[in-house]
């Protein structure tokens, strides 16, 4: 078996995926106390640390694998894209500092795909060079979650850095394990647990052509007067309306939905709407959309926090797949998963 540290742990998406390939988590950390409530409810332990910068290098335990979905906001297209000029990016350098001290066999990181392109590649070069400098061979790939049994086309950058004394040359990521599944396959018919407002009822009438803009009984915001984008071959009476600050997009349920993201403001979340049943997507559907099991619990937090936590998470099936990749590839005489079968 192998041990791992779950840094920037969130609700434990890395932990779920790596435990499924034989890993044992011996250290976890995150600064979000609401996430800790969910983490405790599902993994039966609290975080070992909160602010990663407070972790003492000398008392940090040795682990075979160090993983982290370090903050993506400095690199995201949706954010200001300040890269390493953003203070949140200091988390990456602390991860490097810890890794340099304990020298795990594998450093496993996740971030938004835009990290590769930011500043014409200069920002990612810092990431690559830092990992190389502390003695690792670095491999990376943009993977789409819809190729791993998830009804969501969520593209993320994954980095696997393997300690240079371990024979890993030629390591490759599995890019596809399943065929794509449509969002329609995970819909829970009749689940009206998150009903829409009367205003949303009017918006659906407008977007499906039942009423004209002149018949709307309130002033239409500029970004709500018409649909910003409509998928091809779509039935607007049986689709998903995705709410974005730029406008409303109509998404077909006959294919994976695009990246699940919610804006959270004013104590609520802008949750996608299922037009056929005139309701928001349910929490159960959102769990499935991120690759979590139906029984994953959010009973300790508000619904708004649960949705935010899911939208910020990694997809466990993708983590599991990459875990299989590096476990199967690293030479058998290393301690990592020695004598362990992962299928």
C-alpha atoms as a PDB file:
ATOM      1  CA  UNK A   1       0.000   0.000   0.000  1.00  0.00           C
ATOM      2  CA  UNK A   2       1.062   3.649  -0.106  1.00  0.00           C
ATOM      3  CA  UNK A   3       0.525   6.670   2.106  1.00  0.00           C
ATOM      4  CA  UNK A   4      -0.475  10.129   0.939  1.00  0.00           C
ATOM      5  CA  UNK A   5      -1.031  13.670   2.183  1.00  0.00           C
ATOM      6  CA  UNK A   6      -4.233  15.406   1.115  1.00  0.00           C
ATOM      7  CA  UNK A   7      -3.271  19.083   0.900  1.00  0.00           C
ATOM      8  CA  UNK A   8      -5.800  21.746  -0.188  1.00  0.00           C
ATOM      9  CA  UNK A   9      -8.115  18.857   0.626  1.00  0.00           C
ATOM     10  CA  UNK A  10     -11.509  20.518   0.189  1.00  0.00           C
ATOM     11  CA  UNK A  11     -14.094  17.764   0.620  1.00  0.00           C
ATOM     12  CA  UNK A  12     -11.667  14.957  -0.190  1.00  0.00           C
ATOM     13  CA  UNK A  13     -11.924  14.296  -3.922  1.00  0.00           C
ATOM     14  CA  UNK A  14      -8.251  13.334  -4.074  1.00  0.00           C
ATOM     15  CA  UNK A  15      -8.680  11.161  -1.013  1.00  0.00           C
ATOM     16  CA  UNK A  16     -11.597   9.207  -2.481  1.00  0.00           C
ATOM     17  CA  UNK A  17      -9.765   8.546  -5.751  1.00  0.00           C
ATOM     18  CA  UNK A  18      -6.475   7.494  -4.159  1.00  0.00           C
ATOM     19  CA  UNK A  19      -8.101   5.321  -1.502  1.00  0.00           C
ATOM     20  CA  UNK A  20      -9.771   3.419  -4.332  1.00  0.00           C
ATOM     21  CA  UNK A  21      -6.327   2.393  -5.618  1.00  0.00           C
ATOM     22  CA  UNK A  22      -4.965   1.333  -2.236  1.00  0.00           C
ATOM     23  CA  UNK A  23      -3.760   4.585  -0.706  1.00  0.00           C
ATOM     24  CA  UNK A  24      -3.995   5.542   2.958  1.00  0.00           C
ATOM     25  CA  UNK A  25      -4.351   9.201   3.888  1.00  0.00           C
ATOM     26  CA  UNK A  26      -2.222  10.142   6.905  1.00  0.00           C
ATOM     27  CA  UNK A  27      -2.365  13.944   6.698  1.00  0.00           C
ATOM     28  CA  UNK A  28      -4.941  16.424   5.435  1.00  0.00           C
ATOM     29  CA  UNK A  29      -5.131  20.204   5.376  1.00  0.00           C
ATOM     30  CA  UNK A  30      -7.390  22.977   4.131  1.00  0.00           C
ATOM     31  CA  UNK A  31      -8.229  26.474   5.297  1.00  0.00           C
ATOM     32  CA  UNK A  32     -11.990  26.196   4.667  1.00  0.00           C
ATOM     33  CA  UNK A  33     -13.787  25.285   7.896  1.00  0.00           C
ATOM     34  CA  UNK A  34     -17.061  24.618   6.068  1.00  0.00           C
ATOM     35  CA  UNK A  35     -15.267  22.053   3.908  1.00  0.00           C
ATOM     36  CA  UNK A  36     -13.884  20.470   7.075  1.00  0.00           C
ATOM     37  CA  UNK A  37     -17.432  19.757   8.263  1.00  0.00           C
ATOM     38  CA  UNK A  38     -18.126  17.824   5.063  1.00  0.00           C
ATOM     39  CA  UNK A  39     -14.704  16.162   5.199  1.00  0.00           C
ATOM     40  CA  UNK A  40     -15.336  14.978   8.769  1.00  0.00           C
ATOM     41  CA  UNK A  41     -18.813  13.678   7.946  1.00  0.00           C
ATOM     42  CA  UNK A  42     -17.506  11.519   5.094  1.00  0.00           C
ATOM     43  CA  UNK A  43     -13.926  10.602   6.007  1.00  0.00           C
ATOM     44  CA  UNK A  44     -14.332  10.474   9.798  1.00  0.00           C
ATOM     45  CA  UNK A  45     -11.443  12.765  10.618  1.00  0.00           C
ATOM     46  CA  UNK A  46     -10.821  16.497  10.761  1.00  0.00           C
ATOM     47  CA  UNK A  47      -7.979  18.324   9.058  1.00  0.00           C
ATOM     48  CA  UNK A  48      -4.532  17.977  10.621  1.00  0.00           C
ATOM     49  CA  UNK A  49      -3.792  21.574   9.675  1.00  0.00           C
ATOM     50  CA  UNK A  50      -5.694  24.582   8.383  1.00  0.00           C
ATOM     51  CA  UNK A  51      -3.369  27.175   6.894  1.00  0.00           C
ATOM     52  CA  UNK A  52      -0.800  25.213   4.903  1.00  0.00           C
ATOM     53  CA  UNK A  53       1.787  27.879   5.672  1.00  0.00           C
ATOM     54  CA  UNK A  54       1.599  26.925   9.354  1.00  0.00           C
ATOM     55  CA  UNK A  55       2.762  23.363   8.708  1.00  0.00           C
ATOM     56  CA  UNK A  56       6.188  22.739  10.229  1.00  0.00           C
ATOM     57  CA  UNK A  57       8.474  21.021   7.720  1.00  0.00           C
ATOM     58  CA  UNK A  58      10.250  19.152  10.514  1.00  0.00           C
ATOM     59  CA  UNK A  59       7.087  17.569  11.914  1.00  0.00           C
ATOM     60  CA  UNK A  60       5.330  16.947   8.594  1.00  0.00           C
ATOM     61  CA  UNK A  61       5.155  13.149   8.151  1.00  0.00           C
ATOM     62  CA  UNK A  62       6.802  11.307   5.290  1.00  0.00           C
ATOM     63  CA  UNK A  63       4.267  10.181   2.672  1.00  0.00           C
ATOM     64  CA  UNK A  64       4.725   8.287  -0.569  1.00  0.00           C
ATOM     65  CA  UNK A  65       2.410  10.643  -2.454  1.00  0.00           C
ATOM     66  CA  UNK A  66       1.740  14.324  -1.847  1.00  0.00           C
ATOM     67  CA  UNK A  67      -1.381  15.586  -3.614  1.00  0.00           C
ATOM     68  CA  UNK A  68      -3.043  18.970  -3.869  1.00  0.00           C
ATOM     69  CA  UNK A  69      -5.580  20.829  -5.947  1.00  0.00           C
ATOM     70  CA  UNK A  70      -3.866  24.115  -5.156  1.00  0.00           C
ATOM     71  CA  UNK A  71      -5.930  27.329  -5.521  1.00  0.00           C
ATOM     72  CA  UNK A  72      -7.033  27.856  -9.108  1.00  0.00           C
ATOM     73  CA  UNK A  73      -8.363  31.415  -8.826  1.00  0.00           C
ATOM     74  CA  UNK A  74      -4.993  33.034  -9.679  1.00  0.00           C
ATOM     75  CA  UNK A  75      -4.956  31.106 -12.977  1.00  0.00           C
ATOM     76  CA  UNK A  76      -8.637  30.785 -13.939  1.00  0.00           C
ATOM     77  CA  UNK A  77     -10.168  32.422 -17.014  1.00  0.00           C
ATOM     78  CA  UNK A  78     -13.090  33.361 -14.765  1.00  0.00           C
ATOM     79  CA  UNK A  79     -10.767  35.198 -12.375  1.00  0.00           C
ATOM     80  CA  UNK A  80      -8.307  38.061 -12.766  1.00  0.00           C
ATOM     81  CA  UNK A  81      -5.555  35.693 -13.952  1.00  0.00           C
ATOM     82  CA  UNK A  82      -2.836  37.267 -11.831  1.00  0.00           C
ATOM     83  CA  UNK A  83      -0.890  34.009 -11.616  1.00  0.00           C
ATOM     84  CA  UNK A  84       1.956  34.106  -9.130  1.00  0.00           C
ATOM     85  CA  UNK A  85       1.259  37.770  -8.401  1.00  0.00           C
ATOM     86  CA  UNK A  86      -1.801  36.573  -6.472  1.00  0.00           C
ATOM     87  CA  UNK A  87      -1.084  35.798  -2.791  1.00  0.00           C
ATOM     88  CA  UNK A  88      -3.079  32.560  -3.038  1.00  0.00           C
ATOM     89  CA  UNK A  89      -0.402  31.178  -5.358  1.00  0.00           C
ATOM     90  CA  UNK A  90       1.978  31.116  -2.396  1.00  0.00           C
ATOM     91  CA  UNK A  91       0.306  27.805  -1.545  1.00  0.00           C
ATOM     92  CA  UNK A  92       2.176  26.225  -4.469  1.00  0.00           C
ATOM     93  CA  UNK A  93       5.538  27.338  -3.118  1.00  0.00           C
ATOM     94  CA  UNK A  94       4.721  25.907   0.318  1.00  0.00           C
ATOM     95  CA  UNK A  95       3.893  22.583  -1.352  1.00  0.00           C
ATOM     96  CA  UNK A  96       7.288  22.712  -3.046  1.00  0.00           C
ATOM     97  CA  UNK A  97       8.933  23.494   0.292  1.00  0.00           C
ATOM     98  CA  UNK A  98       7.280  20.521   1.991  1.00  0.00           C
ATOM     99  CA  UNK A  99       8.080  18.195  -0.904  1.00  0.00           C
ATOM    100  CA  UNK A 100      11.704  19.275  -0.929  1.00  0.00           C
ATOM    101  CA  UNK A 101      11.935  18.424   2.760  1.00  0.00           C
ATOM    102  CA  UNK A 102      10.325  14.948   2.748  1.00  0.00           C
ATOM    103  CA  UNK A 103      10.959  13.887  -0.886  1.00  0.00           C
ATOM    104  CA  UNK A 104       7.776  11.875  -1.555  1.00  0.00           C
ATOM    105  CA  UNK A 105       7.909   9.438  -4.442  1.00  0.00           C
ATOM    106  CA  UNK A 106       5.104  11.252  -6.267  1.00  0.00           C
ATOM    107  CA  UNK A 107       3.754  14.803  -6.242  1.00  0.00           C
ATOM    108  CA  UNK A 108       0.256  14.845  -7.744  1.00  0.00           C
ATOM    109  CA  UNK A 109      -1.304  18.243  -8.542  1.00  0.00           C
ATOM    110  CA  UNK A 110      -4.451  19.574 -10.224  1.00  0.00           C
ATOM    111  CA  UNK A 111      -5.402  23.010 -11.533  1.00  0.00           C
ATOM    112  CA  UNK A 112      -7.344  24.754 -14.280  1.00  0.00           C
ATOM    113  CA  UNK A 113      -6.203  24.140 -17.848  1.00  0.00           C
ATOM    114  CA  UNK A 114      -5.572  27.861 -18.298  1.00  0.00           C
ATOM    115  CA  UNK A 115      -2.461  27.494 -16.139  1.00  0.00           C
ATOM    116  CA  UNK A 116      -0.698  26.098 -19.217  1.00  0.00           C
ATOM    117  CA  UNK A 117      -1.502  29.168 -21.311  1.00  0.00           C
ATOM    118  CA  UNK A 118      -1.206  31.965 -18.772  1.00  0.00           C
ATOM    119  CA  UNK A 119       1.434  34.576 -19.600  1.00  0.00           C
ATOM    120  CA  UNK A 120       2.253  32.654 -22.788  1.00  0.00           C
ATOM    121  CA  UNK A 121       3.342  29.633 -20.771  1.00  0.00           C
ATOM    122  CA  UNK A 122       5.652  31.518 -18.417  1.00  0.00           C
ATOM    123  CA  UNK A 123       3.554  30.779 -15.323  1.00  0.00           C
ATOM    124  CA  UNK A 124       3.487  27.031 -15.953  1.00  0.00           C
ATOM    125  CA  UNK A 125       7.231  27.110 -16.615  1.00  0.00           C
ATOM    126  CA  UNK A 126       7.663  28.262 -13.018  1.00  0.00           C
ATOM    127  CA  UNK A 127       5.657  25.238 -11.837  1.00  0.00           C
ATOM    128  CA  UNK A 128       7.623  22.860 -14.064  1.00  0.00           C
ATOM    129  CA  UNK A 129      11.016  24.330 -13.128  1.00  0.00           C
ATOM    130  CA  UNK A 130      10.282  24.306  -9.396  1.00  0.00           C
ATOM    131  CA  UNK A 131       9.383  20.606  -9.474  1.00  0.00           C
ATOM    132  CA  UNK A 132      12.407  19.783 -11.604  1.00  0.00           C
ATOM    133  CA  UNK A 133      14.697  21.787  -9.342  1.00  0.00           C
ATOM    134  CA  UNK A 134      13.797  19.714  -6.264  1.00  0.00           C
ATOM    135  CA  UNK A 135      14.526  16.461  -8.100  1.00  0.00           C
ATOM    136  CA  UNK A 136      11.441  15.312 -10.013  1.00  0.00           C
ATOM    137  CA  UNK A 137      10.580  14.215 -13.542  1.00  0.00           C
ATOM    138  CA  UNK A 138       7.435  16.112 -14.487  1.00  0.00           C
ATOM    139  CA  UNK A 139       4.531  14.813 -16.578  1.00  0.00           C
ATOM    140  CA  UNK A 140       1.325  16.701 -17.279  1.00  0.00           C
ATOM    141  CA  UNK A 141      -1.872  16.390 -19.280  1.00  0.00           C
ATOM    142  CA  UNK A 142      -5.211  18.136 -19.731  1.00  0.00           C
ATOM    143  CA  UNK A 143      -7.904  15.524 -19.140  1.00  0.00           C
ATOM    144  CA  UNK A 144     -11.644  15.800 -19.722  1.00  0.00           C
ATOM    145  CA  UNK A 145     -13.816  14.248 -16.998  1.00  0.00           C
ATOM    146  CA  UNK A 146     -16.374  13.130 -19.604  1.00  0.00           C
ATOM    147  CA  UNK A 147     -13.876  10.424 -20.652  1.00  0.00           C
ATOM    148  CA  UNK A 148     -14.025   8.884 -17.181  1.00  0.00           C
ATOM    149  CA  UNK A 149     -17.708   8.057 -16.764  1.00  0.00           C
ATOM    150  CA  UNK A 150     -18.817  11.544 -15.713  1.00  0.00           C
ATOM    151  CA  UNK A 151     -21.644  13.439 -17.427  1.00  0.00           C
ATOM    152  CA  UNK A 152     -19.617  16.638 -17.448  1.00  0.00           C
ATOM    153  CA  UNK A 153     -16.984  17.913 -19.886  1.00  0.00           C
ATOM    154  CA  UNK A 154     -14.658  19.372 -17.258  1.00  0.00           C
ATOM    155  CA  UNK A 155     -11.126  19.902 -18.552  1.00  0.00           C
ATOM    156  CA  UNK A 156      -8.418  20.222 -15.928  1.00  0.00           C
ATOM    157  CA  UNK A 157      -4.626  20.160 -15.882  1.00  0.00           C
ATOM    158  CA  UNK A 158      -3.100  17.255 -13.973  1.00  0.00           C
ATOM    159  CA  UNK A 159       0.574  17.093 -13.023  1.00  0.00           C
ATOM    160  CA  UNK A 160       2.396  13.971 -11.871  1.00  0.00           C
ATOM    161  CA  UNK A 161       5.956  14.587 -10.708  1.00  0.00           C
ATOM    162  CA  UNK A 162       7.915  11.410  -9.989  1.00  0.00           C
ATOM    163  CA  UNK A 163      11.129  11.479  -7.980  1.00  0.00           C
ATOM    164  CA  UNK A 164      14.070  11.338 -10.361  1.00  0.00           C
ATOM    165  CA  UNK A 165      15.679   8.251  -8.762  1.00  0.00           C
ATOM    166  CA  UNK A 166      12.594   6.213  -9.713  1.00  0.00           C
ATOM    167  CA  UNK A 167      12.446   4.841 -13.247  1.00  0.00           C
ATOM    168  CA  UNK A 168       9.475   6.692 -14.698  1.00  0.00           C
ATOM    169  CA  UNK A 169      10.595   7.727 -18.166  1.00  0.00           C
ATOM    170  CA  UNK A 170       7.768   7.210 -20.603  1.00  0.00           C
ATOM    171  CA  UNK A 171       5.022   7.627 -18.011  1.00  0.00           C
ATOM    172  CA  UNK A 172       1.720   8.366 -19.705  1.00  0.00           C
ATOM    173  CA  UNK A 173      -1.743   9.391 -18.565  1.00  0.00           C
ATOM    174  CA  UNK A 174      -4.708   7.290 -19.595  1.00  0.00           C
ATOM    175  CA  UNK A 175      -6.777   9.811 -21.530  1.00  0.00           C
ATOM    176  CA  UNK A 176     -10.000   7.825 -21.762  1.00  0.00           C
ATOM    177  CA  UNK A 177     -11.479   4.959 -19.748  1.00  0.00           C
ATOM    178  CA  UNK A 178     -15.161   5.099 -20.686  1.00  0.00           C
ATOM    179  CA  UNK A 179     -17.414   6.309 -23.451  1.00  0.00           C
ATOM    180  CA  UNK A 180     -19.136   9.640 -22.911  1.00  0.00           C
ATOM    181  CA  UNK A 181     -22.448   9.588 -21.097  1.00  0.00           C
ATOM    182  CA  UNK A 182     -25.200  12.203 -21.518  1.00  0.00           C
ATOM    183  CA  UNK A 183     -26.454  14.362 -18.702  1.00  0.00           C
ATOM    184  CA  UNK A 184     -29.878  12.775 -19.228  1.00  0.00           C
ATOM    185  CA  UNK A 185     -28.478   9.527 -17.759  1.00  0.00           C
ATOM    186  CA  UNK A 186     -28.033  11.053 -14.295  1.00  0.00           C
ATOM    187  CA  UNK A 187     -31.273  13.045 -14.064  1.00  0.00           C
ATOM    188  CA  UNK A 188     -33.491  12.128 -11.114  1.00  0.00           C
ATOM    189  CA  UNK A 189     -36.970  12.608 -12.561  1.00  0.00           C
ATOM    190  CA  UNK A 190     -39.418  14.378 -10.257  1.00  0.00           C
ATOM    191  CA  UNK A 191     -36.794  15.666  -7.784  1.00  0.00           C
ATOM    192  CA  UNK A 192     -38.136  19.125  -7.021  1.00  0.00           C
ATOM    193  CA  UNK A 193     -35.992  19.573  -3.921  1.00  0.00           C
ATOM    194  CA  UNK A 194     -34.703  22.948  -5.179  1.00  0.00           C
ATOM    195  CA  UNK A 195     -37.694  24.701  -6.810  1.00  0.00           C
ATOM    196  CA  UNK A 196     -37.269  27.786  -8.969  1.00  0.00           C
ATOM    197  CA  UNK A 197     -38.659  31.247  -8.235  1.00  0.00           C
ATOM    198  CA  UNK A 198     -41.640  32.879  -9.942  1.00  0.00           C
ATOM    199  CA  UNK A 199     -39.181  35.079 -11.824  1.00  0.00           C
ATOM    200  CA  UNK A 200     -37.478  31.981 -13.191  1.00  0.00           C
ATOM    201  CA  UNK A 201     -40.860  30.638 -14.292  1.00  0.00           C
ATOM    202  CA  UNK A 202     -41.187  33.819 -16.365  1.00  0.00           C
ATOM    203  CA  UNK A 203     -37.690  33.454 -17.787  1.00  0.00           C
ATOM    204  CA  UNK A 204     -38.460  29.892 -18.940  1.00  0.00           C
ATOM    205  CA  UNK A 205     -41.676  31.118 -20.583  1.00  0.00           C
ATOM    206  CA  UNK A 206     -39.602  33.778 -22.366  1.00  0.00           C
ATOM    207  CA  UNK A 207     -36.798  31.475 -23.518  1.00  0.00           C
ATOM    208  CA  UNK A 208     -39.183  28.778 -24.721  1.00  0.00           C
ATOM    209  CA  UNK A 209     -41.238  31.294 -26.727  1.00  0.00           C
ATOM    210  CA  UNK A 210     -44.392  31.154 -24.624  1.00  0.00           C
ATOM    211  CA  UNK A 211     -44.304  34.908 -24.011  1.00  0.00           C
ATOM    212  CA  UNK A 212     -42.698  37.916 -25.684  1.00  0.00           C
ATOM    213  CA  UNK A 213     -40.183  40.224 -23.978  1.00  0.00           C
ATOM    214  CA  UNK A 214     -42.888  42.893 -23.888  1.00  0.00           C
ATOM    215  CA  UNK A 215     -45.030  40.564 -21.758  1.00  0.00           C
ATOM    216  CA  UNK A 216     -42.438  40.131 -19.011  1.00  0.00           C
ATOM    217  CA  UNK A 217     -43.833  41.878 -15.887  1.00  0.00           C
ATOM    218  CA  UNK A 218     -40.451  43.194 -14.720  1.00  0.00           C
ATOM    219  CA  UNK A 219     -37.492  45.002 -16.240  1.00  0.00           C
ATOM    220  CA  UNK A 220     -35.259  42.519 -18.009  1.00  0.00           C
ATOM    221  CA  UNK A 221     -31.531  42.854 -17.259  1.00  0.00           C
ATOM    222  CA  UNK A 222     -29.415  43.265 -20.369  1.00  0.00           C
ATOM    223  CA  UNK A 223     -27.874  39.796 -19.967  1.00  0.00           C
ATOM    224  CA  UNK A 224     -31.256  38.087 -19.528  1.00  0.00           C
ATOM    225  CA  UNK A 225     -33.220  39.437 -22.508  1.00  0.00           C
ATOM    226  CA  UNK A 226     -32.351  36.432 -24.647  1.00  0.00           C
ATOM    227  CA  UNK A 227     -30.268  33.299 -24.444  1.00  0.00           C
ATOM    228  CA  UNK A 228     -26.547  33.973 -24.747  1.00  0.00           C
ATOM    229  CA  UNK A 229     -25.807  30.603 -26.328  1.00  0.00           C
ATOM    230  CA  UNK A 230     -27.919  27.660 -27.505  1.00  0.00           C
ATOM    231  CA  UNK A 231     -26.627  24.137 -28.187  1.00  0.00           C
ATOM    232  CA  UNK A 232     -27.358  22.610 -31.594  1.00  0.00           C
ATOM    233  CA  UNK A 233     -30.321  20.243 -31.956  1.00  0.00           C
ATOM    234  CA  UNK A 234     -31.779  21.203 -28.595  1.00  0.00           C
ATOM    235  CA  UNK A 235     -35.284  21.052 -27.169  1.00  0.00           C
ATOM    236  CA  UNK A 236     -35.595  24.192 -25.059  1.00  0.00           C
ATOM    237  CA  UNK A 237     -38.469  22.580 -23.169  1.00  0.00           C
ATOM    238  CA  UNK A 238     -36.145  19.748 -22.100  1.00  0.00           C
ATOM    239  CA  UNK A 239     -32.718  21.243 -21.536  1.00  0.00           C
ATOM    240  CA  UNK A 240     -30.542  22.800 -18.856  1.00  0.00           C
ATOM    241  CA  UNK A 241     -30.264  26.550 -18.502  1.00  0.00           C
ATOM    242  CA  UNK A 242     -26.844  27.458 -17.148  1.00  0.00           C
ATOM    243  CA  UNK A 243     -26.693  30.808 -15.359  1.00  0.00           C
ATOM    244  CA  UNK A 244     -23.557  32.870 -15.935  1.00  0.00           C
ATOM    245  CA  UNK A 245     -22.748  36.495 -15.261  1.00  0.00           C
ATOM    246  CA  UNK A 246     -22.534  37.045 -19.034  1.00  0.00           C
ATOM    247  CA  UNK A 247     -25.959  35.538 -19.719  1.00  0.00           C
ATOM    248  CA  UNK A 248     -28.007  32.334 -19.842  1.00  0.00           C
ATOM    249  CA  UNK A 249     -26.878  29.345 -21.893  1.00  0.00           C
ATOM    250  CA  UNK A 250     -29.145  26.539 -23.088  1.00  0.00           C
ATOM    251  CA  UNK A 251     -27.428  23.161 -22.803  1.00  0.00           C
ATOM    252  CA  UNK A 252     -28.493  19.887 -24.391  1.00  0.00           C
ATOM    253  CA  UNK A 253     -29.099  16.980 -22.010  1.00  0.00           C
ATOM    254  CA  UNK A 254     -28.161  14.488 -24.746  1.00  0.00           C
ATOM    255  CA  UNK A 255     -24.435  15.012 -24.104  1.00  0.00           C
ATOM    256  CA  UNK A 256     -22.203  15.811 -21.101  1.00  0.00           C
ATOM    257  CA  UNK A 257     -22.805  19.253 -19.649  1.00  0.00           C
ATOM    258  CA  UNK A 258     -19.938  21.763 -19.845  1.00  0.00           C
ATOM    259  CA  UNK A 259     -17.905  22.596 -16.738  1.00  0.00           C
ATOM    260  CA  UNK A 260     -20.105  22.724 -13.654  1.00  0.00           C
ATOM    261  CA  UNK A 261     -19.595  26.116 -12.042  1.00  0.00           C
ATOM    262  CA  UNK A 262     -21.817  28.191  -9.808  1.00  0.00           C
ATOM    263  CA  UNK A 263     -21.646  31.810  -8.790  1.00  0.00           C
ATOM    264  CA  UNK A 264     -22.343  32.279  -5.094  1.00  0.00           C
ATOM    265  CA  UNK A 265     -23.539  35.653  -3.836  1.00  0.00           C
ATOM    266  CA  UNK A 266     -26.042  37.082  -1.416  1.00  0.00           C
ATOM    267  CA  UNK A 267     -26.254  33.789   0.489  1.00  0.00           C
ATOM    268  CA  UNK A 268     -27.457  31.824  -2.533  1.00  0.00           C
ATOM    269  CA  UNK A 269     -26.042  29.949  -5.487  1.00  0.00           C
ATOM    270  CA  UNK A 270     -26.850  30.377  -9.178  1.00  0.00           C
ATOM    271  CA  UNK A 271     -27.801  26.758  -9.768  1.00  0.00           C
ATOM    272  CA  UNK A 272     -28.513  25.428 -13.290  1.00  0.00           C
ATOM    273  CA  UNK A 273     -32.184  24.944 -14.177  1.00  0.00           C
ATOM    274  CA  UNK A 274     -33.817  21.847 -15.703  1.00  0.00           C
ATOM    275  CA  UNK A 275     -36.461  23.298 -18.031  1.00  0.00           C
ATOM    276  CA  UNK A 276     -38.605  20.177 -18.478  1.00  0.00           C
ATOM    277  CA  UNK A 277     -39.510  20.068 -14.782  1.00  0.00           C
ATOM    278  CA  UNK A 278     -38.993  23.785 -14.139  1.00  0.00           C
ATOM    279  CA  UNK A 279     -36.653  23.294 -11.210  1.00  0.00           C
ATOM    280  CA  UNK A 280     -33.016  23.694 -10.273  1.00  0.00           C
ATOM    281  CA  UNK A 281     -30.708  20.703 -10.522  1.00  0.00           C
ATOM    282  CA  UNK A 282     -30.866  18.735  -7.286  1.00  0.00           C
ATOM    283  CA  UNK A 283     -27.911  18.210  -4.977  1.00  0.00           C
ATOM    284  CA  UNK A 284     -27.996  14.513  -5.895  1.00  0.00           C
ATOM    285  CA  UNK A 285     -27.673  15.359  -9.597  1.00  0.00           C
ATOM    286  CA  UNK A 286     -24.823  17.753  -8.837  1.00  0.00           C
ATOM    287  CA  UNK A 287     -22.995  15.016  -6.889  1.00  0.00           C
ATOM    288  CA  UNK A 288     -23.325  12.681  -9.863  1.00  0.00           C
ATOM    289  CA  UNK A 289     -22.199  15.475 -12.178  1.00  0.00           C
ATOM    290  CA  UNK A 290     -18.920  15.668 -10.228  1.00  0.00           C
ATOM    291  CA  UNK A 291     -18.398  11.906  -9.958  1.00  0.00           C
ATOM    292  CA  UNK A 292     -19.358  11.552  -6.277  1.00  0.00           C
ATOM    293  CA  UNK A 293     -21.405   8.659  -4.953  1.00  0.00           C
ATOM    294  CA  UNK A 294     -25.056   9.252  -4.122  1.00  0.00           C
ATOM    295  CA  UNK A 295     -24.461   8.648  -0.403  1.00  0.00           C
ATOM    296  CA  UNK A 296     -21.749  11.310  -0.057  1.00  0.00           C
ATOM    297  CA  UNK A 297     -23.069  13.480   2.775  1.00  0.00           C
ATOM    298  CA  UNK A 298     -23.465  17.243   2.986  1.00  0.00           C
ATOM    299  CA  UNK A 299     -25.672  17.052   6.077  1.00  0.00           C
ATOM    300  CA  UNK A 300     -23.296  19.211   8.134  1.00  0.00           C
ATOM    301  CA  UNK A 301     -23.375  22.282   5.872  1.00  0.00           C
ATOM    302  CA  UNK A 302     -25.906  24.505   4.139  1.00  0.00           C
ATOM    303  CA  UNK A 303     -27.057  23.688   0.634  1.00  0.00           C
ATOM    304  CA  UNK A 304     -25.246  26.752  -0.710  1.00  0.00           C
ATOM    305  CA  UNK A 305     -21.990  25.597   0.865  1.00  0.00           C
ATOM    306  CA  UNK A 306     -22.507  22.062  -0.435  1.00  0.00           C
ATOM    307  CA  UNK A 307     -22.930  23.327  -3.996  1.00  0.00           C
ATOM    308  CA  UNK A 308     -19.904  25.599  -3.718  1.00  0.00           C
ATOM    309  CA  UNK A 309     -17.819  22.722  -2.352  1.00  0.00           C
ATOM    310  CA  UNK A 310     -18.814  20.437  -5.203  1.00  0.00           C
ATOM    311  CA  UNK A 311     -18.119  23.061  -7.858  1.00  0.00           C
ATOM    312  CA  UNK A 312     -14.614  23.607  -6.438  1.00  0.00           C
ATOM    313  CA  UNK A 313     -13.795  19.911  -6.117  1.00  0.00           C
ATOM    314  CA  UNK A 314     -11.820  17.509  -8.251  1.00  0.00           C
ATOM    315  CA  UNK A 315     -13.668  14.575  -9.841  1.00  0.00           C
ATOM    316  CA  UNK A 316     -12.743  11.403  -7.910  1.00  0.00           C
ATOM    317  CA  UNK A 317     -12.949   9.033 -10.940  1.00  0.00           C
ATOM    318  CA  UNK A 318     -10.273  11.076 -12.752  1.00  0.00           C
ATOM    319  CA  UNK A 319      -8.054  11.025  -9.651  1.00  0.00           C
ATOM    320  CA  UNK A 320      -8.551   7.257  -9.392  1.00  0.00           C
ATOM    321  CA  UNK A 321      -7.525   6.800 -13.017  1.00  0.00           C
ATOM    322  CA  UNK A 322      -4.326   8.822 -12.638  1.00  0.00           C
ATOM    323  CA  UNK A 323      -3.553   6.966  -9.409  1.00  0.00           C
ATOM    324  CA  UNK A 324      -3.773   3.703 -11.349  1.00  0.00           C
ATOM    325  CA  UNK A 325      -1.481   5.160 -13.999  1.00  0.00           C
ATOM    326  CA  UNK A 326       1.391   6.089 -11.728  1.00  0.00           C
ATOM    327  CA  UNK A 327       1.022   3.046  -9.479  1.00  0.00           C
ATOM    328  CA  UNK A 328       1.140   0.669 -12.459  1.00  0.00           C
ATOM    329  CA  UNK A 329       4.058   2.426 -14.106  1.00  0.00           C
ATOM    330  CA  UNK A 330       6.529   2.976 -11.275  1.00  0.00           C
ATOM    331  CA  UNK A 331       9.005   0.110 -11.076  1.00  0.00           C
ATOM    332  CA  UNK A 332       7.920  -2.776  -8.801  1.00  0.00           C
ATOM    333  CA  UNK A 333      11.007  -2.536  -6.571  1.00  0.00           C
ATOM    334  CA  UNK A 334       9.902   0.800  -5.144  1.00  0.00           C
ATOM    335  CA  UNK A 335       7.769   0.843  -2.018  1.00  0.00           C
ATOM    336  CA  UNK A 336       4.826   2.484  -3.757  1.00  0.00           C
ATOM    337  CA  UNK A 337       1.940   0.004  -3.794  1.00  0.00           C
ATOM    338  CA  UNK A 338       4.347  -2.946  -3.724  1.00  0.00           C
ATOM    339  CA  UNK A 339       2.527  -6.285  -4.058  1.00  0.00           C
ATOM    340  CA  UNK A 340      -0.788  -4.489  -4.399  1.00  0.00           C
ATOM    341  CA  UNK A 341      -3.214  -5.165  -7.211  1.00  0.00           C
ATOM    342  CA  UNK A 342      -5.455  -2.291  -8.310  1.00  0.00           C
ATOM    343  CA  UNK A 343      -7.166  -3.963 -11.232  1.00  0.00           C
END
